[in-house]
């Protein structure tokens, strides 16, 4: 079984791209399943079920979705193997743009859209900077010049990645993308012992543990304060 991790900002078109890509993969008789990770709510699993794709979803609730992902990914892999999948896709929520749910030696895809702003690539951390392939969506809404400038900004942040344009509505570019996802020679039986490509967002403070009161006297643990200079000036 192959394992591929998708990540990207909310509403960037991850699910639409995955669905169109799976269509192309199924035409080659490749059995594909999806596990959707999110925080509070998602009904994307219904879209996969409607398309006849084996799917599971996990909601992290109050936990960081990255921590939830890494705590469950081994069980997810075993679920994929039990269902005799050729390719297992995990779709992760990149809510803070600092997320880093990528594993060494596991193909990593970042989906980002042209409408997110010209400086957005600089604002996204390891989720974009450590991806193997960057998919840019919603290119049909902007001009060719805007597409090229945005792609250039992406390549500045991650010059090692392959950058592709895929239309999640029409499926344009999905077939070409699908040819890069599945490798007959790869076989993932477990991710135990593997490492993340980058450390996850870190915080262990009083607010992580349920504190709701504001003020220094209520702030304990890993706390970072803003530098405002000399407030008497």
Protein backbone atom coordinates (compact mmCIF):
# COMPACT_ATOMS: atom_id res chain seq x y z
CA UNK A 1 0.00 0.00 0.00
CA UNK A 2 1.10 3.55 -0.76
CA UNK A 3 0.50 6.35 1.75
CA UNK A 4 0.10 10.01 0.72
CA UNK A 5 -0.53 12.96 3.01
CA UNK A 6 -2.51 15.98 1.83
CA UNK A 7 -2.51 19.24 3.73
CA UNK A 8 -3.35 22.86 3.09
CA UNK A 9 -5.25 25.92 4.37
CA UNK A 10 -9.02 25.63 4.93
CA UNK A 11 -11.21 25.87 1.81
CA UNK A 12 -8.23 25.68 -0.53
CA UNK A 13 -9.89 22.84 -2.45
CA UNK A 14 -8.18 19.76 -1.00
CA UNK A 15 -11.24 17.53 -1.07
CA UNK A 16 -12.22 18.56 -4.61
CA UNK A 17 -8.71 17.87 -5.89
CA UNK A 18 -8.59 14.49 -4.14
CA UNK A 19 -11.96 13.43 -5.57
CA UNK A 20 -10.95 14.29 -9.14
CA UNK A 21 -7.58 12.60 -8.66
CA UNK A 22 -9.19 9.44 -7.29
CA UNK A 23 -11.41 9.30 -10.40
CA UNK A 24 -8.27 9.10 -12.51
CA UNK A 25 -6.69 6.51 -10.22
CA UNK A 26 -9.76 4.27 -10.23
CA UNK A 27 -9.67 4.22 -14.02
CA UNK A 28 -6.35 2.43 -13.61
CA UNK A 29 -7.96 -0.09 -11.18
CA UNK A 30 -6.12 1.34 -8.18
CA UNK A 31 -8.06 0.85 -4.92
CA UNK A 32 -8.01 4.14 -2.98
CA UNK A 33 -9.24 5.05 0.50
CA UNK A 34 -9.28 8.32 2.43
CA UNK A 35 -9.02 9.32 6.07
CA UNK A 36 -10.12 12.89 6.75
CA UNK A 37 -8.69 14.72 9.76
CA UNK A 38 -10.37 17.91 10.95
CA UNK A 39 -11.02 19.89 14.11
CA UNK A 40 -14.66 20.55 14.97
CA UNK A 41 -16.79 19.49 12.01
CA UNK A 42 -16.58 18.08 8.51
CA UNK A 43 -19.04 16.45 6.16
CA UNK A 44 -16.42 15.76 3.48
CA UNK A 45 -16.65 12.08 4.37
CA UNK A 46 -20.14 12.08 2.82
CA UNK A 47 -18.67 13.25 -0.48
CA UNK A 48 -16.22 10.35 -0.47
CA UNK A 49 -18.96 7.88 0.50
CA UNK A 50 -21.16 9.18 -2.31
CA UNK A 51 -18.30 8.50 -4.73
CA UNK A 52 -17.99 4.94 -3.36
CA UNK A 53 -14.62 5.59 -1.72
CA UNK A 54 -13.77 3.86 1.61
CA UNK A 55 -13.47 6.69 4.13
CA UNK A 56 -13.04 7.39 7.82
CA UNK A 57 -12.95 10.74 9.58
CA UNK A 58 -11.40 11.91 12.83
CA UNK A 59 -12.14 15.14 14.69
CA UNK A 60 -9.45 16.45 17.02
CA UNK A 61 -11.80 18.65 19.05
CA UNK A 62 -9.77 20.80 21.44
CA UNK A 63 -6.47 19.17 20.46
CA UNK A 64 -4.06 20.47 17.84
CA UNK A 65 -4.93 18.59 14.62
CA UNK A 66 -1.24 17.79 14.06
CA UNK A 67 -0.93 16.10 17.44
CA UNK A 68 -4.16 14.23 16.76
CA UNK A 69 -2.84 13.14 13.36
CA UNK A 70 0.47 11.78 14.59
CA UNK A 71 -1.23 10.00 17.50
CA UNK A 72 -3.52 8.11 15.12
CA UNK A 73 -1.62 7.67 11.87
CA UNK A 74 -0.37 4.14 12.65
CA UNK A 75 -3.92 2.94 13.32
CA UNK A 76 -5.01 4.65 10.11
CA UNK A 77 -2.35 2.78 8.13
CA UNK A 78 -3.49 -0.53 9.62
CA UNK A 79 -7.09 0.32 8.63
CA UNK A 80 -5.94 0.87 5.06
CA UNK A 81 -4.08 -2.43 4.99
CA UNK A 82 -7.10 -4.26 6.43
CA UNK A 83 -9.22 -2.88 3.57
CA UNK A 84 -6.72 -4.06 0.93
CA UNK A 85 -6.12 -0.55 -0.37
CA UNK A 86 -3.48 0.16 -2.97
CA UNK A 87 -3.32 3.83 -1.98
CA UNK A 88 -4.33 5.47 1.29
CA UNK A 89 -4.78 9.25 1.33
CA UNK A 90 -4.86 11.24 4.55
CA UNK A 91 -6.34 14.72 4.38
CA UNK A 92 -5.28 17.02 7.20
CA UNK A 93 -6.61 20.35 8.41
CA UNK A 94 -4.06 23.16 8.15
CA UNK A 95 -5.90 25.68 10.26
CA UNK A 96 -3.03 27.76 11.64
CA UNK A 97 -0.77 27.51 8.56
CA UNK A 98 2.01 26.33 10.89
CA UNK A 99 0.95 22.70 10.63
CA UNK A 100 3.49 20.04 9.66
CA UNK A 101 1.76 16.67 9.30
CA UNK A 102 4.36 15.27 6.90
CA UNK A 103 6.38 12.12 7.50
CA UNK A 104 9.85 11.41 6.14
CA UNK A 105 9.77 9.03 3.16
CA UNK A 106 5.98 9.50 2.80
CA UNK A 107 4.81 11.60 -0.15
CA UNK A 108 3.55 15.00 1.01
CA UNK A 109 1.15 17.22 -0.92
CA UNK A 110 0.23 20.83 -0.08
CA UNK A 111 -2.87 22.38 -1.67
CA UNK A 112 -3.05 26.17 -1.82
CA UNK A 113 -5.36 28.44 -3.82
CA UNK A 114 -4.71 31.48 -5.98
CA UNK A 115 -7.30 33.55 -4.11
CA UNK A 116 -5.54 33.37 -0.74
CA UNK A 117 -3.39 36.43 -1.35
CA UNK A 118 -0.07 37.09 -3.02
CA UNK A 119 1.87 36.96 0.27
CA UNK A 120 0.19 33.81 1.57
CA UNK A 121 3.05 31.46 0.61
CA UNK A 122 5.35 33.39 2.96
CA UNK A 123 2.83 33.03 5.79
CA UNK A 124 2.62 29.24 5.55
CA UNK A 125 5.22 27.27 7.47
CA UNK A 126 6.38 23.63 7.13
CA UNK A 127 3.05 22.67 5.59
CA UNK A 128 4.23 24.37 2.38
CA UNK A 129 7.99 24.53 2.83
CA UNK A 130 8.50 20.77 3.29
CA UNK A 131 5.95 19.48 0.74
CA UNK A 132 7.03 17.31 -2.20
CA UNK A 133 4.30 18.56 -4.53
CA UNK A 134 2.37 21.85 -4.30
CA UNK A 135 -1.04 21.95 -5.98
CA UNK A 136 -2.41 25.40 -6.81
CA UNK A 137 -6.18 25.60 -7.25
CA UNK A 138 -8.77 28.14 -8.44
CA UNK A 139 -6.53 29.28 -11.27
CA UNK A 140 -9.56 29.72 -13.52
CA UNK A 141 -10.68 32.72 -11.47
CA UNK A 142 -7.51 34.79 -11.85
CA UNK A 143 -5.51 35.98 -14.85
CA UNK A 144 -2.56 34.12 -16.34
CA UNK A 145 -0.19 36.78 -15.00
CA UNK A 146 -1.58 36.35 -11.46
CA UNK A 147 -1.20 32.58 -11.74
CA UNK A 148 2.42 32.90 -12.75
CA UNK A 149 3.26 35.41 -10.03
CA UNK A 150 1.59 33.29 -7.36
CA UNK A 151 3.38 30.15 -8.56
CA UNK A 152 6.65 32.07 -8.47
CA UNK A 153 6.01 33.04 -4.84
CA UNK A 154 5.35 29.40 -4.01
CA UNK A 155 8.58 28.28 -5.65
CA UNK A 156 10.49 30.95 -3.75
CA UNK A 157 9.29 29.44 -0.47
CA UNK A 158 9.78 25.81 -1.58
CA UNK A 159 12.16 25.59 -4.55
CA UNK A 160 12.46 21.78 -4.25
CA UNK A 161 8.76 21.04 -4.75
CA UNK A 162 6.99 20.28 -8.00
CA UNK A 163 4.31 22.93 -8.55
CA UNK A 164 1.16 22.01 -10.49
CA UNK A 165 -2.19 23.63 -11.27
CA UNK A 166 -5.29 21.50 -10.76
CA UNK A 167 -8.91 22.56 -11.16
CA UNK A 168 -11.02 20.87 -8.52
CA UNK A 169 -14.27 21.62 -10.40
CA UNK A 170 -13.40 20.48 -13.91
CA UNK A 171 -10.63 18.07 -13.01
CA UNK A 172 -8.16 19.72 -15.36
CA UNK A 173 -4.67 18.60 -14.36
CA UNK A 174 -5.94 15.82 -12.08
CA UNK A 175 -4.89 12.98 -14.38
CA UNK A 176 -1.35 14.28 -14.69
CA UNK A 177 -1.23 14.70 -10.94
CA UNK A 178 -2.56 11.17 -10.34
CA UNK A 179 0.38 9.67 -12.23
CA UNK A 180 2.71 11.05 -9.55
CA UNK A 181 0.88 9.61 -6.55
CA UNK A 182 1.02 5.84 -6.93
CA UNK A 183 4.22 3.81 -7.14
CA UNK A 184 4.02 0.03 -7.67
CA UNK A 185 7.36 -0.48 -5.98
CA UNK A 186 6.39 1.19 -2.70
CA UNK A 187 4.84 -0.81 0.11
CA UNK A 188 4.03 0.81 3.45
CA UNK A 189 3.15 -1.72 6.14
CA UNK A 190 3.72 0.53 9.15
CA UNK A 191 4.87 4.03 10.05
CA UNK A 192 6.25 3.01 13.45
CA UNK A 193 9.77 4.34 13.86
CA UNK A 194 9.39 6.93 11.11
CA UNK A 195 9.88 10.62 11.87
CA UNK A 196 8.02 13.81 11.11
CA UNK A 197 9.72 16.11 8.64
CA UNK A 198 9.38 19.02 11.05
CA UNK A 199 8.47 19.44 14.69
CA UNK A 200 4.82 20.19 15.42
CA UNK A 201 3.46 23.47 16.82
CA UNK A 202 4.39 23.51 20.50
CA UNK A 203 2.60 24.93 23.51
CA UNK A 204 2.07 23.64 27.00
CA UNK A 205 0.67 26.49 29.01
CA UNK A 206 -2.17 27.12 31.45
CA UNK A 207 -4.56 27.86 28.56
CA UNK A 208 -3.79 24.47 27.01
CA UNK A 209 -5.00 22.93 30.25
CA UNK A 210 -8.31 24.79 30.36
CA UNK A 211 -7.48 28.17 31.89
CA UNK A 212 -9.78 30.96 30.65
CA UNK A 213 -8.76 33.93 32.84
CA UNK A 214 -6.56 36.63 31.33
CA UNK A 215 -3.50 38.11 33.03
CA UNK A 216 0.12 37.29 33.80
CA UNK A 217 -0.81 35.74 37.14
CA UNK A 218 -2.78 33.07 35.26
CA UNK A 219 -0.11 32.34 32.63
CA UNK A 220 2.13 29.38 33.34
CA UNK A 221 4.33 27.11 31.23
CA UNK A 222 5.41 27.79 27.64
CA UNK A 223 4.38 31.44 27.23
CA UNK A 224 5.79 33.87 24.65
CA UNK A 225 5.26 37.61 25.15
CA UNK A 226 5.22 40.25 22.42
CA UNK A 227 8.06 42.79 22.38
CA UNK A 228 6.46 46.24 22.59
CA UNK A 229 9.66 48.08 23.48
CA UNK A 230 9.60 50.76 26.16
CA UNK A 231 5.93 51.30 26.92
CA UNK A 232 6.73 54.61 28.62
CA UNK A 233 7.74 56.18 25.32
